[in-house]
Amino acid sequence: MSLWEKSNELPNDADARLQTEGQDPVLDPNLDQALRNFKLSVDAWSEAAFSNRSFVQSAPRRNWRPAAAWALGCALVASSVSGVVYQRHDQQVHDQQLKAQQAAAKLAEQQKQAADLQAANEEDLLASVDSDVSRQVPSAMEPLAQMAEDESK
């Protein structure tokens, strides 16, 4: 039986019940009948709703805490791993820069030593050329230079 059918059924004592509840009878019989039908339909609906528990189903509760805990845990692990990876990469870059600086310093020292050695070789060469070329008197003029020496003595 539907709610509408239940609301159309009026109990035998409906008029008496309305009188005993302290309500004044309504002068307009159509309005009185409409109000009675409305009250009966509300009563029938309420009775049907409370008697049938399967009529109202609660929505399934979704527990978001485990999902949030997993998400935060994953974010924590990801940030920890990325921090370690960044530190390792930064250390590798620092080591490469240090090796490059050491190699540059070693190369500069080798170039300085090579330049010093070349300068020393050039000095020796210039000294030998100077000793070979520089004589007090050329060999063709040597007898004349000896005569000049003898006269000055």
N, C-alpha and C. Protein backbone atom coordinates (compact mmCIF):
# COMPACT_ATOMS: atom_id res chain seq x y z
N MET A 1 0.85 -1.16 0.00
CA MET A 1 0.00 0.00 0.00
C MET A 1 0.90 1.24 0.00
N SER A 2 0.60 2.18 -0.88
CA SER A 2 1.43 3.38 -1.01
C SER A 2 1.05 4.42 0.04
N LEU A 3 1.86 5.42 0.13
CA LEU A 3 1.59 6.49 1.09
C LEU A 3 0.32 7.24 0.74
N TRP A 4 0.09 7.39 -0.54
CA TRP A 4 -1.10 8.14 -0.97
C TRP A 4 -2.37 7.39 -0.57
N GLU A 5 -2.34 6.06 -0.73
CA GLU A 5 -3.50 5.26 -0.35
C GLU A 5 -3.73 5.32 1.15
N LYS A 6 -2.62 5.31 1.92
CA LYS A 6 -2.76 5.40 3.37
C LYS A 6 -3.33 6.74 3.78
N SER A 7 -2.93 7.79 3.06
CA SER A 7 -3.41 9.12 3.43
C SER A 7 -4.89 9.31 3.08
N ASN A 8 -5.38 8.57 2.12
CA ASN A 8 -6.79 8.69 1.75
C ASN A 8 -7.71 7.98 2.73
N GLU A 9 -7.17 7.04 3.47
CA GLU A 9 -8.00 6.34 4.45
C GLU A 9 -8.14 7.19 5.69
N LEU A 10 -9.32 7.48 6.05
CA LEU A 10 -9.58 8.25 7.26
C LEU A 10 -10.10 7.31 8.34
N PRO A 11 -9.53 7.40 9.52
CA PRO A 11 -10.08 6.56 10.59
C PRO A 11 -11.49 7.03 10.96
N ASN A 12 -12.23 6.16 11.59
CA ASN A 12 -13.62 6.47 11.93
C ASN A 12 -13.72 7.62 12.93
N ASP A 13 -12.75 7.73 13.77
CA ASP A 13 -12.84 8.74 14.82
C ASP A 13 -12.02 9.99 14.51
N ALA A 14 -11.78 10.30 13.24
CA ALA A 14 -10.95 11.45 12.86
C ALA A 14 -11.60 12.74 13.29
N ASP A 15 -12.92 12.87 13.11
CA ASP A 15 -13.58 14.10 13.49
C ASP A 15 -13.56 14.27 15.00
N ALA A 16 -13.75 13.20 15.71
CA ALA A 16 -13.79 13.27 17.17
C ALA A 16 -12.41 13.61 17.71
N ARG A 17 -11.39 13.05 17.12
CA ARG A 17 -10.02 13.31 17.58
C ARG A 17 -9.66 14.77 17.38
N LEU A 18 -10.07 15.35 16.27
CA LEU A 18 -9.80 16.76 16.03
C LEU A 18 -10.52 17.63 17.05
N GLN A 19 -11.70 17.23 17.46
CA GLN A 19 -12.47 17.99 18.43
C GLN A 19 -11.84 17.89 19.81
N THR A 20 -11.33 16.74 20.18
CA THR A 20 -10.78 16.54 21.52
C THR A 20 -9.40 17.17 21.68
N GLU A 21 -8.70 17.43 20.61
CA GLU A 21 -7.37 18.02 20.71
C GLU A 21 -7.45 19.52 20.97
N GLY A 22 -8.57 20.08 21.11
CA GLY A 22 -8.74 21.48 21.46
C GLY A 22 -8.77 22.39 20.26
N GLN A 23 -8.90 21.84 19.09
CA GLN A 23 -8.93 22.67 17.90
C GLN A 23 -10.39 23.01 17.61
N ASP A 24 -10.57 24.19 17.18
CA ASP A 24 -11.90 24.62 16.78
C ASP A 24 -12.21 24.03 15.42
N PRO A 25 -13.46 23.62 15.20
CA PRO A 25 -13.79 23.12 13.88
C PRO A 25 -13.72 24.25 12.87
N VAL A 26 -13.18 23.95 11.73
CA VAL A 26 -13.02 24.94 10.68
C VAL A 26 -14.37 25.12 10.01
N LEU A 27 -14.65 26.36 9.71
CA LEU A 27 -15.96 26.67 9.13
C LEU A 27 -16.09 26.17 7.71
N ASP A 28 -14.99 26.16 6.98
CA ASP A 28 -15.04 25.72 5.58
C ASP A 28 -14.78 24.22 5.54
N PRO A 29 -15.75 23.42 5.09
CA PRO A 29 -15.56 21.97 5.10
C PRO A 29 -14.48 21.51 4.11
N ASN A 30 -14.27 22.20 2.99
CA ASN A 30 -13.22 21.80 2.04
C ASN A 30 -11.82 21.99 2.65
N LEU A 31 -11.66 23.11 3.35
CA LEU A 31 -10.37 23.36 4.01
C LEU A 31 -10.14 22.36 5.12
N ASP A 32 -11.21 22.06 5.87
CA ASP A 32 -11.11 21.09 6.94
C ASP A 32 -10.72 19.72 6.40
N GLN A 33 -11.34 19.30 5.32
CA GLN A 33 -11.02 18.00 4.70
C GLN A 33 -9.58 17.99 4.18
N ALA A 34 -9.10 19.08 3.57
CA ALA A 34 -7.73 19.16 3.05
C ALA A 34 -6.71 19.09 4.17
N LEU A 35 -6.99 19.77 5.27
CA LEU A 35 -6.07 19.73 6.41
C LEU A 35 -6.02 18.34 7.03
N ARG A 36 -7.17 17.69 7.14
CA ARG A 36 -7.21 16.32 7.67
C ARG A 36 -6.41 15.37 6.78
N ASN A 37 -6.60 15.50 5.49
CA ASN A 37 -5.87 14.63 4.56
C ASN A 37 -4.36 14.87 4.65
N PHE A 38 -3.97 16.13 4.78
CA PHE A 38 -2.54 16.46 4.88
C PHE A 38 -1.95 15.87 6.16
N LYS A 39 -2.66 16.04 7.27
CA LYS A 39 -2.16 15.51 8.54
C LYS A 39 -2.06 14.00 8.49
N LEU A 40 -3.04 13.35 7.91
CA LEU A 40 -3.00 11.89 7.82
C LEU A 40 -1.87 11.42 6.90
N SER A 41 -1.65 12.15 5.82
CA SER A 41 -0.57 11.73 4.91
C SER A 41 0.80 11.91 5.57
N VAL A 42 0.95 12.99 6.36
CA VAL A 42 2.23 13.20 7.08
C VAL A 42 2.40 12.12 8.12
N ASP A 43 1.34 11.78 8.86
CA ASP A 43 1.41 10.72 9.87
C ASP A 43 1.76 9.38 9.21
N ALA A 44 1.15 9.10 8.08
CA ALA A 44 1.39 7.83 7.39
C ALA A 44 2.84 7.78 6.88
N TRP A 45 3.30 8.87 6.37
CA TRP A 45 4.69 8.90 5.86
C TRP A 45 5.68 8.73 7.01
N SER A 46 5.44 9.41 8.13
CA SER A 46 6.33 9.30 9.28
C SER A 46 6.34 7.88 9.80
N GLU A 47 5.17 7.28 9.92
CA GLU A 47 5.09 5.90 10.41
C GLU A 47 5.81 4.94 9.47
N ALA A 48 5.65 5.15 8.18
CA ALA A 48 6.32 4.27 7.21
C ALA A 48 7.83 4.47 7.24
N ALA A 49 8.26 5.71 7.42
CA ALA A 49 9.69 5.99 7.43
C ALA A 49 10.36 5.40 8.66
N PHE A 50 9.72 5.49 9.82
CA PHE A 50 10.32 4.97 11.04
C PHE A 50 10.20 3.46 11.16
N SER A 51 9.20 2.87 10.57
CA SER A 51 9.04 1.42 10.66
C SER A 51 9.96 0.70 9.68
N ASN A 52 10.27 1.32 8.57
CA ASN A 52 11.11 0.68 7.55
C ASN A 52 12.50 1.33 7.59
N ARG A 53 13.47 0.68 8.26
CA ARG A 53 14.80 1.24 8.40
C ARG A 53 15.61 1.18 7.10
N SER A 54 15.24 0.26 6.23
CA SER A 54 15.97 0.17 4.97
C SER A 54 15.62 1.32 4.02
N PHE A 55 14.60 2.07 4.37
CA PHE A 55 14.19 3.19 3.53
C PHE A 55 15.26 4.27 3.51
N VAL A 56 15.87 4.54 4.65
CA VAL A 56 16.91 5.56 4.74
C VAL A 56 18.23 4.85 4.91
N GLN A 57 19.07 5.02 3.95
CA GLN A 57 20.39 4.40 4.03
C GLN A 57 21.42 5.49 4.22
N SER A 58 22.29 5.25 5.14
CA SER A 58 23.35 6.24 5.35
C SER A 58 24.42 6.04 4.28
N ALA A 59 25.00 7.13 3.90
CA ALA A 59 26.05 7.06 2.88
C ALA A 59 27.28 6.39 3.50
N PRO A 60 27.96 5.60 2.72
CA PRO A 60 29.15 4.95 3.28
C PRO A 60 30.20 6.01 3.64
N ARG A 61 30.77 5.86 4.82
CA ARG A 61 31.78 6.82 5.27
C ARG A 61 33.10 6.48 4.63
N ARG A 62 33.74 7.47 4.19
CA ARG A 62 35.05 7.29 3.59
C ARG A 62 36.07 7.84 4.57
N ASN A 63 36.98 6.99 4.95
CA ASN A 63 38.00 7.39 5.89
C ASN A 63 39.20 7.92 5.11
N TRP A 64 39.45 9.19 5.21
CA TRP A 64 40.51 9.84 4.43
C TRP A 64 41.84 9.85 5.16
N ARG A 65 41.86 9.50 6.42
CA ARG A 65 43.11 9.56 7.18
C ARG A 65 44.18 8.60 6.66
N PRO A 66 43.86 7.36 6.34
CA PRO A 66 44.94 6.50 5.82
C PRO A 66 45.51 7.03 4.50
N ALA A 67 44.64 7.55 3.65
CA ALA A 67 45.13 8.11 2.38
C ALA A 67 46.02 9.32 2.64
N ALA A 68 45.60 10.17 3.57
CA ALA A 68 46.41 11.35 3.90
C ALA A 68 47.74 10.93 4.53
N ALA A 69 47.70 9.92 5.38
CA ALA A 69 48.94 9.44 6.00
C ALA A 69 49.89 8.88 4.95
N TRP A 70 49.37 8.13 4.00
CA TRP A 70 50.21 7.60 2.92
C TRP A 70 50.78 8.73 2.08
N ALA A 71 49.94 9.71 1.77
CA ALA A 71 50.40 10.84 0.94
C ALA A 71 51.50 11.62 1.65
N LEU A 72 51.31 11.90 2.93
CA LEU A 72 52.34 12.61 3.68
C LEU A 72 53.60 11.78 3.84
N GLY A 73 53.43 10.48 4.04
CA GLY A 73 54.60 9.60 4.14
C GLY A 73 55.39 9.57 2.84
N CYS A 74 54.67 9.49 1.74
CA CYS A 74 55.35 9.50 0.43
C CYS A 74 56.05 10.83 0.19
N ALA A 75 55.41 11.92 0.58
CA ALA A 75 56.05 13.24 0.42
C ALA A 75 57.30 13.34 1.28
N LEU A 76 57.26 12.79 2.49
CA LEU A 76 58.42 12.81 3.38
C LEU A 76 59.56 11.98 2.79
N VAL A 77 59.25 10.80 2.30
CA VAL A 77 60.28 9.95 1.69
C VAL A 77 60.87 10.62 0.45
N ALA A 78 60.00 11.19 -0.38
CA ALA A 78 60.48 11.84 -1.60
C ALA A 78 61.38 13.03 -1.27
N SER A 79 61.00 13.82 -0.27
CA SER A 79 61.85 14.97 0.08
C SER A 79 63.16 14.52 0.69
N SER A 80 63.15 13.46 1.47
CA SER A 80 64.40 12.94 2.05
C SER A 80 65.33 12.42 0.96
N VAL A 81 64.77 11.66 0.05
CA VAL A 81 65.58 11.11 -1.04
C VAL A 81 66.12 12.22 -1.93
N SER A 82 65.29 13.20 -2.22
CA SER A 82 65.76 14.29 -3.07
C SER A 82 66.84 15.10 -2.36
N GLY A 83 66.73 15.25 -1.04
CA GLY A 83 67.77 15.95 -0.28
C GLY A 83 69.10 15.22 -0.34
N VAL A 84 69.06 13.89 -0.19
CA VAL A 84 70.28 13.09 -0.26
C VAL A 84 70.88 13.15 -1.66
N VAL A 85 70.04 13.04 -2.67
CA VAL A 85 70.53 13.10 -4.05
C VAL A 85 71.15 14.46 -4.34
N TYR A 86 70.52 15.52 -3.85
CA TYR A 86 71.06 16.87 -4.08
C TYR A 86 72.41 17.03 -3.38
N GLN A 87 72.52 16.56 -2.13
CA GLN A 87 73.80 16.67 -1.42
C GLN A 87 74.88 15.88 -2.13
N ARG A 88 74.56 14.70 -2.59
CA ARG A 88 75.55 13.88 -3.29
C ARG A 88 75.99 14.56 -4.58
N HIS A 89 75.04 15.08 -5.32
CA HIS A 89 75.38 15.78 -6.57
C HIS A 89 76.22 17.01 -6.28
N ASP A 90 75.86 17.76 -5.24
CA ASP A 90 76.62 18.96 -4.88
C ASP A 90 78.05 18.58 -4.47
N GLN A 91 78.20 17.48 -3.74
CA GLN A 91 79.54 17.03 -3.35
C GLN A 91 80.36 16.62 -4.57
N GLN A 92 79.73 15.93 -5.52
CA GLN A 92 80.43 15.54 -6.74
C GLN A 92 80.87 16.77 -7.53
N VAL A 93 80.01 17.76 -7.64
CA VAL A 93 80.36 18.99 -8.36
C VAL A 93 81.51 19.69 -7.65
N HIS A 94 81.45 19.73 -6.31
CA HIS A 94 82.52 20.37 -5.54
C HIS A 94 83.84 19.63 -5.74
N ASP A 95 83.79 18.29 -5.72
CA ASP A 95 85.01 17.49 -5.94
C ASP A 95 85.58 17.74 -7.33
N GLN A 96 84.71 17.82 -8.34
CA GLN A 96 85.19 18.08 -9.70
C GLN A 96 85.82 19.46 -9.80
N GLN A 97 85.23 20.44 -9.15
CA GLN A 97 85.80 21.78 -9.17
C GLN A 97 87.15 21.80 -8.47
N LEU A 98 87.25 21.10 -7.35
CA LEU A 98 88.52 21.03 -6.62
C LEU A 98 89.60 20.35 -7.46
N LYS A 99 89.24 19.26 -8.13
CA LYS A 99 90.20 18.56 -9.01
C LYS A 99 90.62 19.47 -10.16
N ALA A 100 89.67 20.21 -10.71
CA ALA A 100 90.00 21.12 -11.81
C ALA A 100 90.93 22.23 -11.33
N GLN A 101 90.71 22.75 -10.13
CA GLN A 101 91.59 23.78 -9.59
C GLN A 101 92.99 23.22 -9.33
N GLN A 102 93.04 21.99 -8.80
CA GLN A 102 94.34 21.37 -8.55
C GLN A 102 95.08 21.12 -9.86
N ALA A 103 94.36 20.66 -10.86
CA ALA A 103 94.98 20.41 -12.17
C ALA A 103 95.46 21.72 -12.77
N ALA A 104 94.67 22.78 -12.62
CA ALA A 104 95.07 24.08 -13.16
C ALA A 104 96.31 24.61 -12.43
N ALA A 105 96.37 24.43 -11.11
CA ALA A 105 97.53 24.86 -10.33
C ALA A 105 98.78 24.05 -10.73
N LYS A 106 98.60 22.75 -10.92
CA LYS A 106 99.72 21.88 -11.33
C LYS A 106 100.21 22.28 -12.72
N LEU A 107 99.28 22.55 -13.64
CA LEU A 107 99.64 22.96 -14.99
C LEU A 107 100.36 24.31 -14.96
N ALA A 108 99.89 25.22 -14.13
CA ALA A 108 100.54 26.52 -14.03
C ALA A 108 101.96 26.36 -13.47
N GLU A 109 102.14 25.48 -12.50
CA GLU A 109 103.48 25.23 -11.93
C GLU A 109 104.40 24.62 -13.00
N GLN A 110 103.87 23.67 -13.77
CA GLN A 110 104.67 23.06 -14.83
C GLN A 110 105.05 24.10 -15.89
N GLN A 111 104.09 24.95 -16.23
CA GLN A 111 104.39 25.99 -17.23
C GLN A 111 105.43 26.97 -16.68
N LYS A 112 105.35 27.28 -15.39
CA LYS A 112 106.33 28.19 -14.79
C LYS A 112 107.72 27.55 -14.80
N GLN A 113 107.78 26.26 -14.45
CA GLN A 113 109.07 25.55 -14.46
C GLN A 113 109.63 25.49 -15.88
N ALA A 114 108.76 25.23 -16.85
CA ALA A 114 109.20 25.18 -18.24
C ALA A 114 109.70 26.55 -18.69
N ALA A 115 109.01 27.59 -18.29
CA ALA A 115 109.42 28.95 -18.65
C ALA A 115 110.75 29.30 -17.98
N ASP A 116 110.91 28.91 -16.71
CA ASP A 116 112.18 29.16 -16.00
C ASP A 116 113.32 28.40 -16.66
N LEU A 117 113.08 27.16 -17.04
CA LEU A 117 114.11 26.35 -17.70
C LEU A 117 114.47 26.95 -19.04
N GLN A 118 113.48 27.38 -19.79
CA GLN A 118 113.74 28.00 -21.09
C GLN A 118 114.51 29.31 -20.92
N ALA A 119 114.15 30.08 -19.90
CA ALA A 119 114.87 31.33 -19.64
C ALA A 119 116.32 31.04 -19.26
N ALA A 120 116.53 30.00 -18.45
CA ALA A 120 117.90 29.64 -18.07
C ALA A 120 118.69 29.19 -19.30
N ASN A 121 118.06 28.41 -20.16
CA ASN A 121 118.72 27.96 -21.39
C ASN A 121 119.06 29.15 -22.29
N GLU A 122 118.15 30.09 -22.37
CA GLU A 122 118.41 31.27 -23.19
C GLU A 122 119.54 32.11 -22.60
N GLU A 123 119.58 32.19 -21.27
CA GLU A 123 120.66 32.93 -20.60
C GLU A 123 122.01 32.27 -20.88
N ASP A 124 122.02 30.95 -20.78
CA ASP A 124 123.27 30.22 -21.07
C ASP A 124 123.69 30.41 -22.52
N LEU A 125 122.74 30.35 -23.42
CA LEU A 125 123.03 30.54 -24.84
C LEU A 125 123.56 31.94 -25.11
N LEU A 126 122.88 32.93 -24.51
CA LEU A 126 123.33 34.31 -24.68
C LEU A 126 124.72 34.52 -24.06
N ALA A 127 124.96 33.89 -22.94
CA ALA A 127 126.28 34.01 -22.31
C ALA A 127 127.35 33.40 -23.18
N SER A 128 127.07 32.23 -23.76
CA SER A 128 128.07 31.59 -24.62
C SER A 128 128.29 32.39 -25.89
N VAL A 129 127.20 32.93 -26.45
CA VAL A 129 127.35 33.77 -27.64
C VAL A 129 128.13 35.03 -27.28
N ASP A 130 127.83 35.59 -26.14
CA ASP A 130 128.52 36.80 -25.71
C ASP A 130 130.01 36.53 -25.49
N SER A 131 130.32 35.38 -24.87
CA SER A 131 131.74 35.07 -24.65
C SER A 131 132.45 34.77 -25.96
N ASP A 132 131.74 34.15 -26.89
CA ASP A 132 132.35 33.87 -28.20
C ASP A 132 132.54 35.14 -29.01
N VAL A 133 131.58 36.00 -28.97
CA VAL A 133 131.61 37.18 -29.82
C VAL A 133 132.43 38.30 -29.16
N SER A 134 132.38 38.40 -27.91
CA SER A 134 133.01 39.55 -27.27
C SER A 134 134.47 39.25 -26.94
N ARG A 135 135.30 39.86 -27.65
CA ARG A 135 136.73 39.86 -27.40
C ARG A 135 137.13 41.31 -27.27
N GLN A 136 138.20 41.51 -26.62
CA GLN A 136 138.64 42.89 -26.49
C GLN A 136 139.07 43.44 -27.83
N VAL A 137 139.76 42.61 -28.56
CA VAL A 137 140.26 43.05 -29.86
C VAL A 137 139.97 41.95 -30.85
N PRO A 138 139.55 42.30 -32.05
CA PRO A 138 139.34 41.26 -33.06
C PRO A 138 140.69 40.60 -33.40
N SER A 139 140.63 39.42 -33.89
CA SER A 139 141.85 38.65 -34.16
C SER A 139 142.73 39.30 -35.22
N ALA A 140 142.21 40.02 -36.14
CA ALA A 140 143.02 40.69 -37.16
C ALA A 140 143.79 41.86 -36.56
N MET A 141 143.27 42.43 -35.53
CA MET A 141 143.90 43.60 -34.92
C MET A 141 144.73 43.23 -33.71
N GLU A 142 144.86 42.00 -33.43
CA GLU A 142 145.55 41.57 -32.22
C GLU A 142 147.05 41.98 -32.19
N PRO A 143 147.81 41.82 -33.28
CA PRO A 143 149.21 42.25 -33.18
C PRO A 143 149.34 43.74 -32.90
N LEU A 144 148.49 44.51 -33.41
CA LEU A 144 148.52 45.96 -33.17
C LEU A 144 148.20 46.25 -31.72
N ALA A 145 147.22 45.50 -31.13
CA ALA A 145 146.85 45.69 -29.75
C ALA A 145 147.99 45.29 -28.84
N GLN A 146 148.77 44.29 -29.19
CA GLN A 146 149.92 43.89 -28.38
C GLN A 146 150.99 44.98 -28.43
N MET A 147 151.20 45.57 -29.51
CA MET A 147 152.20 46.64 -29.63
C MET A 147 151.81 47.83 -28.79
N ALA A 148 150.47 48.09 -28.77
CA ALA A 148 150.00 49.22 -27.98
C ALA A 148 150.18 48.92 -26.50
N GLU A 149 150.07 47.73 -26.14
CA GLU A 149 150.25 47.34 -24.76
C GLU A 149 151.72 47.47 -24.37
N ASP A 150 152.58 47.05 -25.24
CA ASP A 150 154.00 47.10 -24.95
C ASP A 150 154.45 48.55 -24.82
N GLU A 151 153.99 49.41 -25.58
CA GLU A 151 154.36 50.81 -25.52
C GLU A 151 153.85 51.46 -24.25
N SER A 152 152.73 51.06 -23.80
CA SER A 152 152.17 51.66 -22.59
C SER A 152 152.92 51.15 -21.35
N LYS A 153 153.71 50.15 -21.46
CA LYS A 153 154.40 49.63 -20.31
C LYS A 153 155.69 50.29 -20.17
